Amino acid sequence: MPIKTNNTNTNKELVFPELSYAIVGAAFAVFNSLGPGHSEKVYQNALAKELEKQGVNYKREVFIPVQYRNETIAKYFADFVVEEKIIVELKVVKKLGYTHARQVLGYLQGAGIRLGILVYFTEEGVKYRRVLNSHL
């Protein structure tokens, strides 16, 4: 199943554009303040503070069960679920990876959420990918 990531869609076609911009803007604010070289947990803590400052509602370390025939067979924990609409997953990496997008897609499917934002904190700065759950 294809994973949809950043593309050249117009703002009218984006899912939750204002909230997405707020999240990505918060990630850039965190990086601009902290710079590179920190652990994922440090960036998570800072992003939580930045989202609070912006008045954005979120939950952290959200449990997402994986169901098979109405039975939980595994569990995921998403870094953030923002406004019950967007899953945000943070990564500290040197190289962007397809496996991270697949991970977010699994979270989206398990939680029944349409949009995920994968935020990468790299040595060069913040990069991000929007991941859509095409089943919704």
N, C-alpha and C. Protein backbone atom coordinates (compact mmCIF):
# COMPACT_ATOMS: atom_id res chain seq x y z
N MET A 1 0.85 -1.17 0.00
CA MET A 1 0.00 0.00 0.00
C MET A 1 0.90 1.23 0.00
N PRO A 2 0.62 2.19 -0.88
CA PRO A 2 1.49 3.36 -0.98
C PRO A 2 1.35 4.28 0.22
N ILE A 3 2.44 4.92 0.55
CA ILE A 3 2.44 5.92 1.61
C ILE A 3 2.52 7.27 0.96
N LYS A 4 1.59 8.14 1.29
CA LYS A 4 1.61 9.48 0.73
C LYS A 4 2.37 10.39 1.67
N THR A 5 3.33 11.10 1.13
CA THR A 5 4.11 12.03 1.93
C THR A 5 4.03 13.41 1.30
N ASN A 6 4.87 14.33 1.76
CA ASN A 6 4.85 15.69 1.23
C ASN A 6 4.69 15.69 -0.28
N ASN A 7 3.87 16.58 -0.76
CA ASN A 7 3.73 16.73 -2.20
C ASN A 7 3.40 18.18 -2.50
N THR A 8 3.01 18.44 -3.72
CA THR A 8 2.77 19.82 -4.12
C THR A 8 1.29 20.17 -4.12
N ASN A 9 0.48 19.53 -3.31
CA ASN A 9 -0.94 19.86 -3.22
C ASN A 9 -1.14 21.30 -2.78
N THR A 10 -2.25 21.88 -3.21
CA THR A 10 -2.58 23.21 -2.74
C THR A 10 -3.12 23.12 -1.32
N ASN A 11 -3.17 24.25 -0.62
CA ASN A 11 -3.66 24.26 0.76
C ASN A 11 -5.07 23.71 0.88
N LYS A 12 -5.90 23.88 -0.16
CA LYS A 12 -7.27 23.39 -0.10
C LYS A 12 -7.31 21.87 -0.02
N GLU A 13 -6.29 21.20 -0.53
CA GLU A 13 -6.27 19.75 -0.54
C GLU A 13 -5.61 19.15 0.69
N LEU A 14 -4.94 19.95 1.49
CA LEU A 14 -4.25 19.43 2.66
C LEU A 14 -5.25 19.05 3.75
N VAL A 15 -4.93 18.01 4.48
CA VAL A 15 -5.74 17.60 5.62
C VAL A 15 -5.25 18.38 6.84
N PHE A 16 -6.14 19.06 7.51
CA PHE A 16 -5.84 19.85 8.71
C PHE A 16 -4.65 20.80 8.51
N PRO A 17 -4.72 21.69 7.52
CA PRO A 17 -3.55 22.53 7.21
C PRO A 17 -3.13 23.45 8.35
N GLU A 18 -4.07 24.13 9.02
CA GLU A 18 -3.69 25.07 10.07
C GLU A 18 -3.02 24.36 11.24
N LEU A 19 -3.58 23.25 11.64
CA LEU A 19 -3.02 22.49 12.75
C LEU A 19 -1.66 21.90 12.35
N SER A 20 -1.56 21.43 11.12
CA SER A 20 -0.28 20.92 10.62
C SER A 20 0.80 21.99 10.66
N TYR A 21 0.46 23.19 10.21
CA TYR A 21 1.43 24.29 10.22
C TYR A 21 1.86 24.63 11.64
N ALA A 22 0.91 24.58 12.57
CA ALA A 22 1.24 24.87 13.98
C ALA A 22 2.22 23.83 14.52
N ILE A 23 1.99 22.57 14.20
CA ILE A 23 2.87 21.50 14.69
C ILE A 23 4.26 21.64 14.09
N VAL A 24 4.33 21.81 12.78
CA VAL A 24 5.63 21.93 12.11
C VAL A 24 6.35 23.19 12.60
N GLY A 25 5.60 24.28 12.75
CA GLY A 25 6.20 25.51 13.27
C GLY A 25 6.76 25.32 14.66
N ALA A 26 6.05 24.56 15.49
CA ALA A 26 6.53 24.28 16.85
C ALA A 26 7.82 23.47 16.80
N ALA A 27 7.90 22.51 15.87
CA ALA A 27 9.12 21.70 15.73
C ALA A 27 10.30 22.58 15.31
N PHE A 28 10.07 23.51 14.39
CA PHE A 28 11.14 24.43 13.98
C PHE A 28 11.56 25.34 15.13
N ALA A 29 10.58 25.80 15.92
CA ALA A 29 10.91 26.64 17.08
C ALA A 29 11.79 25.87 18.07
N VAL A 30 11.47 24.60 18.29
CA VAL A 30 12.26 23.76 19.18
C VAL A 30 13.69 23.64 18.66
N PHE A 31 13.83 23.31 17.38
CA PHE A 31 15.17 23.15 16.82
C PHE A 31 15.94 24.45 16.83
N ASN A 32 15.28 25.55 16.51
CA ASN A 32 15.96 26.85 16.51
C ASN A 32 16.48 27.20 17.90
N SER A 33 15.78 26.77 18.92
CA SER A 33 16.20 27.05 20.28
C SER A 33 17.27 26.07 20.78
N LEU A 34 17.07 24.78 20.52
CA LEU A 34 17.97 23.76 21.06
C LEU A 34 19.15 23.42 20.13
N GLY A 35 18.91 23.50 18.84
CA GLY A 35 19.94 23.09 17.89
C GLY A 35 20.02 21.58 17.77
N PRO A 36 21.00 21.08 17.03
CA PRO A 36 21.13 19.63 16.81
C PRO A 36 21.83 18.93 17.96
N GLY A 37 21.76 17.60 17.92
CA GLY A 37 22.56 16.80 18.83
C GLY A 37 21.89 16.28 20.08
N HIS A 38 20.60 16.53 20.24
CA HIS A 38 19.91 16.07 21.45
C HIS A 38 19.21 14.74 21.19
N SER A 39 18.80 14.10 22.26
CA SER A 39 18.07 12.83 22.15
C SER A 39 16.62 13.11 21.76
N GLU A 40 15.97 12.07 21.31
CA GLU A 40 14.56 12.19 20.95
C GLU A 40 13.72 12.66 22.13
N LYS A 41 14.01 12.17 23.32
CA LYS A 41 13.26 12.55 24.52
C LYS A 41 13.37 14.04 24.81
N VAL A 42 14.54 14.61 24.61
CA VAL A 42 14.73 16.05 24.82
C VAL A 42 13.84 16.83 23.86
N TYR A 43 13.84 16.44 22.59
CA TYR A 43 12.99 17.12 21.61
C TYR A 43 11.51 16.91 21.92
N GLN A 44 11.14 15.73 22.40
CA GLN A 44 9.75 15.49 22.80
C GLN A 44 9.33 16.44 23.92
N ASN A 45 10.17 16.54 24.93
CA ASN A 45 9.84 17.42 26.06
C ASN A 45 9.71 18.86 25.62
N ALA A 46 10.61 19.29 24.75
CA ALA A 46 10.57 20.67 24.26
C ALA A 46 9.35 20.90 23.37
N LEU A 47 9.03 19.93 22.52
CA LEU A 47 7.86 20.10 21.67
C LEU A 47 6.59 20.16 22.51
N ALA A 48 6.51 19.39 23.56
CA ALA A 48 5.35 19.46 24.46
C ALA A 48 5.21 20.87 25.03
N LYS A 49 6.31 21.45 25.47
CA LYS A 49 6.28 22.82 26.01
C LYS A 49 5.84 23.82 24.95
N GLU A 50 6.34 23.65 23.73
CA GLU A 50 6.00 24.57 22.65
C GLU A 50 4.53 24.45 22.26
N LEU A 51 4.01 23.23 22.20
CA LEU A 51 2.58 23.06 21.89
C LEU A 51 1.71 23.67 22.98
N GLU A 52 2.11 23.49 24.23
CA GLU A 52 1.37 24.11 25.34
C GLU A 52 1.38 25.63 25.20
N LYS A 53 2.53 26.19 24.87
CA LYS A 53 2.65 27.64 24.70
C LYS A 53 1.70 28.15 23.61
N GLN A 54 1.51 27.35 22.58
CA GLN A 54 0.62 27.72 21.47
C GLN A 54 -0.85 27.41 21.76
N GLY A 55 -1.12 26.76 22.88
CA GLY A 55 -2.50 26.40 23.22
C GLY A 55 -3.03 25.23 22.42
N VAL A 56 -2.15 24.36 21.94
CA VAL A 56 -2.55 23.19 21.17
C VAL A 56 -2.71 22.00 22.12
N ASN A 57 -3.87 21.36 22.06
CA ASN A 57 -4.13 20.20 22.91
C ASN A 57 -3.47 18.95 22.34
N TYR A 58 -2.87 18.16 23.20
CA TYR A 58 -2.19 16.96 22.77
C TYR A 58 -2.17 15.94 23.90
N LYS A 59 -1.87 14.71 23.53
CA LYS A 59 -1.59 13.64 24.49
C LYS A 59 -0.24 13.07 24.08
N ARG A 60 0.52 12.61 25.08
CA ARG A 60 1.84 12.03 24.82
C ARG A 60 1.84 10.53 25.09
N GLU A 61 2.74 9.84 24.38
CA GLU A 61 2.92 8.39 24.56
C GLU A 61 1.57 7.68 24.56
N VAL A 62 0.83 7.87 23.48
CA VAL A 62 -0.52 7.35 23.37
C VAL A 62 -0.50 5.88 22.95
N PHE A 63 -1.15 5.06 23.74
CA PHE A 63 -1.25 3.62 23.48
C PHE A 63 -2.16 3.38 22.28
N ILE A 64 -1.67 2.61 21.32
CA ILE A 64 -2.46 2.24 20.14
C ILE A 64 -2.39 0.71 20.01
N PRO A 65 -3.50 0.02 20.25
CA PRO A 65 -3.47 -1.44 20.14
C PRO A 65 -3.49 -1.90 18.69
N VAL A 66 -2.87 -3.03 18.43
CA VAL A 66 -2.94 -3.67 17.11
C VAL A 66 -3.88 -4.86 17.27
N GLN A 67 -4.95 -4.82 16.51
CA GLN A 67 -5.99 -5.84 16.63
C GLN A 67 -5.89 -6.86 15.51
N TYR A 68 -6.10 -8.11 15.86
CA TYR A 68 -6.23 -9.18 14.89
C TYR A 68 -7.41 -10.03 15.34
N ARG A 69 -8.43 -10.06 14.53
CA ARG A 69 -9.65 -10.82 14.85
C ARG A 69 -10.17 -10.47 16.24
N ASN A 70 -10.31 -9.18 16.46
CA ASN A 70 -10.85 -8.64 17.70
C ASN A 70 -10.02 -8.95 18.93
N GLU A 71 -8.75 -9.23 18.75
CA GLU A 71 -7.86 -9.51 19.86
C GLU A 71 -6.61 -8.64 19.72
N THR A 72 -6.18 -8.04 20.83
CA THR A 72 -4.96 -7.24 20.80
C THR A 72 -3.76 -8.16 20.74
N ILE A 73 -2.96 -7.99 19.68
CA ILE A 73 -1.78 -8.84 19.51
C ILE A 73 -0.47 -8.08 19.68
N ALA A 74 -0.56 -6.75 19.69
CA ALA A 74 0.63 -5.92 19.88
C ALA A 74 0.15 -4.53 20.27
N LYS A 75 1.11 -3.69 20.62
CA LYS A 75 0.74 -2.32 20.97
C LYS A 75 1.84 -1.37 20.51
N TYR A 76 1.39 -0.20 20.09
CA TYR A 76 2.27 0.88 19.71
C TYR A 76 2.10 2.01 20.72
N PHE A 77 3.07 2.89 20.77
CA PHE A 77 2.95 4.11 21.55
C PHE A 77 3.39 5.27 20.66
N ALA A 78 2.43 6.08 20.26
CA ALA A 78 2.73 7.25 19.43
C ALA A 78 3.28 8.36 20.32
N ASP A 79 4.26 9.11 19.82
CA ASP A 79 4.84 10.20 20.60
C ASP A 79 3.78 11.22 21.01
N PHE A 80 2.96 11.66 20.06
CA PHE A 80 1.91 12.65 20.33
C PHE A 80 0.69 12.34 19.48
N VAL A 81 -0.48 12.59 20.06
CA VAL A 81 -1.71 12.70 19.29
C VAL A 81 -2.21 14.11 19.56
N VAL A 82 -2.30 14.91 18.50
CA VAL A 82 -2.63 16.32 18.63
C VAL A 82 -4.09 16.54 18.24
N GLU A 83 -4.84 17.15 19.16
CA GLU A 83 -6.24 17.50 18.94
C GLU A 83 -7.08 16.30 18.49
N GLU A 84 -6.66 15.08 18.83
CA GLU A 84 -7.34 13.84 18.43
C GLU A 84 -7.42 13.70 16.91
N LYS A 85 -6.56 14.45 16.16
CA LYS A 85 -6.64 14.47 14.70
C LYS A 85 -5.35 14.06 14.02
N ILE A 86 -4.21 14.33 14.64
CA ILE A 86 -2.93 14.12 13.98
C ILE A 86 -1.98 13.38 14.91
N ILE A 87 -1.38 12.32 14.41
CA ILE A 87 -0.32 11.64 15.14
C ILE A 87 1.00 12.29 14.76
N VAL A 88 1.81 12.62 15.75
CA VAL A 88 3.12 13.22 15.51
C VAL A 88 4.17 12.27 16.08
N GLU A 89 5.09 11.88 15.24
CA GLU A 89 6.17 10.99 15.64
C GLU A 89 7.49 11.70 15.39
N LEU A 90 8.35 11.73 16.40
CA LEU A 90 9.64 12.40 16.31
C LEU A 90 10.75 11.37 16.13
N LYS A 91 11.74 11.75 15.33
CA LYS A 91 12.92 10.90 15.12
C LYS A 91 14.15 11.80 15.12
N VAL A 92 15.22 11.29 15.69
CA VAL A 92 16.53 11.93 15.60
C VAL A 92 17.36 11.00 14.73
N VAL A 93 17.63 11.43 13.50
CA VAL A 93 18.27 10.56 12.53
C VAL A 93 19.29 11.32 11.69
N LYS A 94 20.20 10.57 11.09
CA LYS A 94 21.12 11.14 10.11
C LYS A 94 20.53 11.06 8.72
N LYS A 95 19.70 10.04 8.49
CA LYS A 95 19.15 9.77 7.17
C LYS A 95 17.65 9.49 7.29
N LEU A 96 16.86 10.09 6.41
CA LEU A 96 15.42 9.85 6.43
C LEU A 96 15.14 8.44 5.95
N GLY A 97 14.15 7.80 6.57
CA GLY A 97 13.89 6.42 6.23
C GLY A 97 12.44 6.11 5.91
N TYR A 98 12.26 5.23 4.94
CA TYR A 98 10.93 4.76 4.56
C TYR A 98 10.29 3.99 5.71
N THR A 99 11.11 3.28 6.50
CA THR A 99 10.56 2.49 7.59
C THR A 99 9.86 3.35 8.62
N HIS A 100 10.32 4.58 8.81
CA HIS A 100 9.67 5.47 9.76
C HIS A 100 8.26 5.84 9.27
N ALA A 101 8.13 6.08 7.98
CA ALA A 101 6.81 6.40 7.42
C ALA A 101 5.87 5.20 7.55
N ARG A 102 6.39 4.00 7.35
CA ARG A 102 5.58 2.79 7.52
C ARG A 102 5.13 2.66 8.98
N GLN A 103 6.01 2.99 9.90
CA GLN A 103 5.67 2.94 11.32
C GLN A 103 4.50 3.88 11.62
N VAL A 104 4.57 5.10 11.12
CA VAL A 104 3.49 6.07 11.35
C VAL A 104 2.20 5.59 10.69
N LEU A 105 2.30 5.00 9.52
CA LEU A 105 1.10 4.49 8.86
C LEU A 105 0.44 3.41 9.73
N GLY A 106 1.23 2.56 10.35
CA GLY A 106 0.68 1.56 11.26
C GLY A 106 -0.04 2.21 12.44
N TYR A 107 0.55 3.28 12.97
CA TYR A 107 -0.10 4.01 14.07
C TYR A 107 -1.43 4.59 13.61
N LEU A 108 -1.44 5.18 12.42
CA LEU A 108 -2.66 5.79 11.89
C LEU A 108 -3.76 4.76 11.72
N GLN A 109 -3.40 3.63 11.16
CA GLN A 109 -4.40 2.58 10.94
C GLN A 109 -4.92 2.03 12.27
N GLY A 110 -4.02 1.82 13.22
CA GLY A 110 -4.45 1.30 14.52
C GLY A 110 -5.33 2.27 15.29
N ALA A 111 -5.06 3.56 15.15
CA ALA A 111 -5.81 4.57 15.89
C ALA A 111 -7.03 5.09 15.12
N GLY A 112 -7.13 4.76 13.83
CA GLY A 112 -8.24 5.28 13.03
C GLY A 112 -8.12 6.77 12.81
N ILE A 113 -6.90 7.25 12.64
CA ILE A 113 -6.63 8.68 12.42
C ILE A 113 -6.14 8.85 11.00
N ARG A 114 -6.50 9.97 10.39
CA ARG A 114 -6.22 10.18 8.97
C ARG A 114 -4.81 10.69 8.67
N LEU A 115 -4.25 11.54 9.54
CA LEU A 115 -2.99 12.22 9.21
C LEU A 115 -1.93 11.99 10.28
N GLY A 116 -0.72 11.76 9.82
CA GLY A 116 0.44 11.70 10.70
C GLY A 116 1.50 12.65 10.19
N ILE A 117 2.26 13.20 11.10
CA ILE A 117 3.40 14.04 10.73
C ILE A 117 4.63 13.43 11.38
N LEU A 118 5.55 13.07 10.54
CA LEU A 118 6.81 12.49 10.97
C LEU A 118 7.84 13.62 10.96
N VAL A 119 8.36 13.95 12.13
CA VAL A 119 9.31 15.05 12.27
C VAL A 119 10.69 14.48 12.53
N TYR A 120 11.63 14.84 11.67
CA TYR A 120 13.01 14.40 11.80
C TYR A 120 13.86 15.57 12.30
N PHE A 121 14.59 15.36 13.38
CA PHE A 121 15.57 16.34 13.84
C PHE A 121 16.92 15.84 13.34
N THR A 122 17.52 16.56 12.40
CA THR A 122 18.78 16.15 11.80
C THR A 122 19.86 17.18 12.12
N GLU A 123 21.07 16.89 11.75
CA GLU A 123 22.17 17.85 11.94
C GLU A 123 21.92 19.13 11.13
N GLU A 124 21.24 19.00 9.99
CA GLU A 124 20.98 20.15 9.12
C GLU A 124 19.73 20.93 9.52
N GLY A 125 18.91 20.38 10.37
CA GLY A 125 17.67 21.07 10.75
C GLY A 125 16.51 20.11 10.82
N VAL A 126 15.31 20.69 10.79
CA VAL A 126 14.08 19.91 10.88
C VAL A 126 13.61 19.55 9.47
N LYS A 127 13.25 18.31 9.30
CA LYS A 127 12.60 17.86 8.08
C LYS A 127 11.33 17.14 8.52
N TYR A 128 10.34 17.12 7.66
CA TYR A 128 9.11 16.45 8.05
C TYR A 128 8.43 15.81 6.85
N ARG A 129 7.59 14.85 7.16
CA ARG A 129 6.76 14.18 6.14
C ARG A 129 5.35 14.08 6.69
N ARG A 130 4.40 14.37 5.83
CA ARG A 130 3.00 14.13 6.13
C ARG A 130 2.68 12.72 5.64
N VAL A 131 2.04 11.93 6.46
CA VAL A 131 1.67 10.56 6.09
C VAL A 131 0.16 10.46 6.19
N LEU A 132 -0.49 10.06 5.09
CA LEU A 132 -1.94 9.95 5.08
C LEU A 132 -2.38 8.49 5.17
N ASN A 133 -3.40 8.27 5.97
CA ASN A 133 -4.05 6.98 6.06
C ASN A 133 -5.12 6.96 4.99
N SER A 134 -4.83 6.33 3.87
CA SER A 134 -5.76 6.35 2.74
C SER A 134 -7.00 5.50 2.96
N HIS A 135 -7.04 4.75 4.07
CA HIS A 135 -8.23 3.94 4.37
C HIS A 135 -9.37 4.78 4.94
N LEU A 136 -9.10 6.02 5.29
CA LEU A 136 -10.16 6.87 5.86
C LEU A 136 -10.58 7.94 4.88
